[in-house]
Amino acid sequence: MNRMSLPVAAMLVAALSGCAASAPDVMTLQQATASELGLASTDELTLAGIATGTPNALGGAIVSYRATTARGRRFSCSTLMVPGIAFSPPQYSEIRCRPA
């Protein structure tokens, strides 16, 4: 490789890193789910079975998971995760939960 190709390749990788579908941020999902369910704290909630669907043309993917409260209530939840641009974190649409 010559001297110019390495910096160009590094810039290309950095620019495209935001386009790749990343793994869901569990803490963000837990905070948003706790808020959606009206819980006072994320300590009252456990997430399990987090699965990411196939990304669409824009990179967005449905994330589905199970949420269990400290009192034993179980919910089946889902949201649309859209990858962030460049170095920003992924964004999540409105979280929807229904009793499981």
C-alpha atoms as a PDB file:
ATOM      1  CA  MET A   1       0.000   0.000   0.000  1.00  0.00           C
ATOM      2  CA  ASN A   2       1.206   3.481  -0.651  1.00  0.00           C
ATOM      3  CA  ARG A   3       1.138   6.333   1.850  1.00  0.00           C
ATOM      4  CA  MET A   4      -2.118   7.882   0.605  1.00  0.00           C
ATOM      5  CA  SER A   5      -4.251   4.738   0.534  1.00  0.00           C
ATOM      6  CA  LEU A   6      -4.089   4.065   4.291  1.00  0.00           C
ATOM      7  CA  PRO A   7      -5.536   7.439   5.409  1.00  0.00           C
ATOM      8  CA  VAL A   8      -8.166   7.292   2.657  1.00  0.00           C
ATOM      9  CA  ALA A   9      -9.175   3.792   3.729  1.00  0.00           C
ATOM     10  CA  ALA A  10      -9.369   4.882   7.389  1.00  0.00           C
ATOM     11  CA  MET A  11     -11.614   7.836   6.512  1.00  0.00           C
ATOM     12  CA  LEU A  12     -13.853   5.593   4.406  1.00  0.00           C
ATOM     13  CA  VAL A  13     -14.250   3.076   7.226  1.00  0.00           C
ATOM     14  CA  ALA A  14     -15.036   5.870   9.709  1.00  0.00           C
ATOM     15  CA  ALA A  15     -17.607   7.428   7.378  1.00  0.00           C
ATOM     16  CA  LEU A  16     -19.380   4.143   6.700  1.00  0.00           C
ATOM     17  CA  SER A  17     -19.320   2.882  10.280  1.00  0.00           C
ATOM     18  CA  GLY A  18     -22.631   4.573  10.994  1.00  0.00           C
ATOM     19  CA  CYS A  19     -24.292   2.772   8.106  1.00  0.00           C
ATOM     20  CA  ALA A  20     -23.802  -0.674   9.593  1.00  0.00           C
ATOM     21  CA  ALA A  21     -26.610  -2.023  11.733  1.00  0.00           C
ATOM     22  CA  SER A  22     -25.254  -2.133  15.238  1.00  0.00           C
ATOM     23  CA  ALA A  23     -26.398  -4.157  18.199  1.00  0.00           C
ATOM     24  CA  PRO A  24     -29.179  -2.626  20.288  1.00  0.00           C
ATOM     25  CA  ASP A  25     -28.135  -0.561  23.295  1.00  0.00           C
ATOM     26  CA  VAL A  26     -29.642  -2.564  26.145  1.00  0.00           C
ATOM     27  CA  MET A  27     -29.456   0.257  28.696  1.00  0.00           C
ATOM     28  CA  THR A  28     -31.307   2.663  26.384  1.00  0.00           C
ATOM     29  CA  LEU A  29     -33.958   0.011  25.699  1.00  0.00           C
ATOM     30  CA  GLN A  30     -34.325  -0.680  29.413  1.00  0.00           C
ATOM     31  CA  GLN A  31     -34.718   3.021  30.268  1.00  0.00           C
ATOM     32  CA  ALA A  32     -37.282   3.608  27.514  1.00  0.00           C
ATOM     33  CA  THR A  33     -39.213   0.448  28.386  1.00  0.00           C
ATOM     34  CA  ALA A  34     -39.328   1.334  32.082  1.00  0.00           C
ATOM     35  CA  SER A  35     -40.701   4.741  31.140  1.00  0.00           C
ATOM     36  CA  GLU A  36     -43.262   3.210  28.756  1.00  0.00           C
ATOM     37  CA  LEU A  37     -44.487   0.825  31.470  1.00  0.00           C
ATOM     38  CA  GLY A  38     -44.654   3.579  34.094  1.00  0.00           C
ATOM     39  CA  LEU A  39     -41.923   2.153  36.311  1.00  0.00           C
ATOM     40  CA  ALA A  40     -39.898   4.412  38.581  1.00  0.00           C
ATOM     41  CA  SER A  41     -36.533   2.786  37.882  1.00  0.00           C
ATOM     42  CA  THR A  42     -34.760   0.420  35.518  1.00  0.00           C
ATOM     43  CA  ASP A  43     -34.011  -1.717  38.596  1.00  0.00           C
ATOM     44  CA  GLU A  44     -37.639  -2.869  38.441  1.00  0.00           C
ATOM     45  CA  LEU A  45     -37.240  -4.307  34.937  1.00  0.00           C
ATOM     46  CA  THR A  46     -35.378  -7.194  33.297  1.00  0.00           C
ATOM     47  CA  LEU A  47     -35.028  -7.583  29.521  1.00  0.00           C
ATOM     48  CA  ALA A  48     -34.493 -10.956  27.855  1.00  0.00           C
ATOM     49  CA  GLY A  49     -34.589 -12.515  24.406  1.00  0.00           C
ATOM     50  CA  ILE A  50     -33.434  -9.391  22.578  1.00  0.00           C
ATOM     51  CA  ALA A  51     -33.554 -10.131  18.836  1.00  0.00           C
ATOM     52  CA  THR A  52     -32.854  -7.819  15.913  1.00  0.00           C
ATOM     53  CA  GLY A  53     -34.688  -8.410  12.640  1.00  0.00           C
ATOM     54  CA  THR A  54     -33.372  -8.020   9.114  1.00  0.00           C
ATOM     55  CA  PRO A  55     -32.387  -4.406   8.333  1.00  0.00           C
ATOM     56  CA  ASN A  56     -34.480  -2.585   5.725  1.00  0.00           C
ATOM     57  CA  ALA A  57     -33.073  -0.486   2.867  1.00  0.00           C
ATOM     58  CA  LEU A  58     -32.303   2.438   5.199  1.00  0.00           C
ATOM     59  CA  GLY A  59     -30.645   0.230   7.823  1.00  0.00           C
ATOM     60  CA  GLY A  60     -33.533   0.256  10.283  1.00  0.00           C
ATOM     61  CA  ALA A  61     -34.444  -3.027  11.962  1.00  0.00           C
ATOM     62  CA  ILE A  62     -37.201  -4.182  14.288  1.00  0.00           C
ATOM     63  CA  VAL A  63     -35.896  -5.078  17.742  1.00  0.00           C
ATOM     64  CA  SER A  64     -38.130  -7.395  19.763  1.00  0.00           C
ATOM     65  CA  TYR A  65     -37.648  -8.540  23.347  1.00  0.00           C
ATOM     66  CA  ARG A  66     -39.380  -9.699  26.518  1.00  0.00           C
ATOM     67  CA  ALA A  67     -39.630  -7.451  29.565  1.00  0.00           C
ATOM     68  CA  THR A  68     -40.367  -8.709  33.083  1.00  0.00           C
ATOM     69  CA  THR A  69     -41.113  -6.389  35.989  1.00  0.00           C
ATOM     70  CA  ALA A  70     -40.000  -6.963  39.580  1.00  0.00           C
ATOM     71  CA  ARG A  71     -43.601  -7.940  40.412  1.00  0.00           C
ATOM     72  CA  GLY A  72     -43.559 -10.657  37.745  1.00  0.00           C
ATOM     73  CA  ARG A  73     -45.603  -8.969  35.023  1.00  0.00           C
ATOM     74  CA  ARG A  74     -44.380 -10.032  31.565  1.00  0.00           C
ATOM     75  CA  PHE A  75     -44.541  -8.021  28.362  1.00  0.00           C
ATOM     76  CA  SER A  76     -43.649  -8.615  24.732  1.00  0.00           C
ATOM     77  CA  CYS A  77     -42.043  -5.419  23.389  1.00  0.00           C
ATOM     78  CA  SER A  78     -40.749  -4.112  20.065  1.00  0.00           C
ATOM     79  CA  THR A  79     -39.287  -0.959  18.549  1.00  0.00           C
ATOM     80  CA  LEU A  80     -37.680   0.211  15.314  1.00  0.00           C
ATOM     81  CA  MET A  81     -33.938   0.800  15.702  1.00  0.00           C
ATOM     82  CA  VAL A  82     -32.397   3.166  13.144  1.00  0.00           C
ATOM     83  CA  PRO A  83     -28.597   3.276  13.077  1.00  0.00           C
ATOM     84  CA  GLY A  84     -26.971   6.593  13.909  1.00  0.00           C
ATOM     85  CA  ILE A  85     -25.020   8.643  11.398  1.00  0.00           C
ATOM     86  CA  ALA A  86     -21.220   8.489  11.709  1.00  0.00           C
ATOM     87  CA  PHE A  87     -20.506   8.249  15.450  1.00  0.00           C
ATOM     88  CA  SER A  88     -23.961   8.934  16.894  1.00  0.00           C
ATOM     89  CA  PRO A  89     -25.814   6.131  18.719  1.00  0.00           C
ATOM     90  CA  PRO A  90     -28.805   4.336  17.175  1.00  0.00           C
ATOM     91  CA  GLN A  91     -32.228   5.933  17.532  1.00  0.00           C
ATOM     92  CA  TYR A  92     -35.357   4.070  18.630  1.00  0.00           C
ATOM     93  CA  SER A  93     -38.954   4.704  17.619  1.00  0.00           C
ATOM     94  CA  GLU A  94     -41.800   4.501  20.123  1.00  0.00           C
ATOM     95  CA  ILE A  95     -41.535   1.333  22.158  1.00  0.00           C
ATOM     96  CA  ARG A  96     -44.654  -0.814  22.099  1.00  0.00           C
ATOM     97  CA  CYS A  97     -45.313  -3.363  24.819  1.00  0.00           C
ATOM     98  CA  ARG A  98     -48.237  -5.708  25.282  1.00  0.00           C
ATOM     99  CA  PRO A  99     -48.873  -8.298  27.991  1.00  0.00           C
ATOM    100  CA  ALA A 100     -47.279 -11.628  27.156  1.00  0.00           C
END
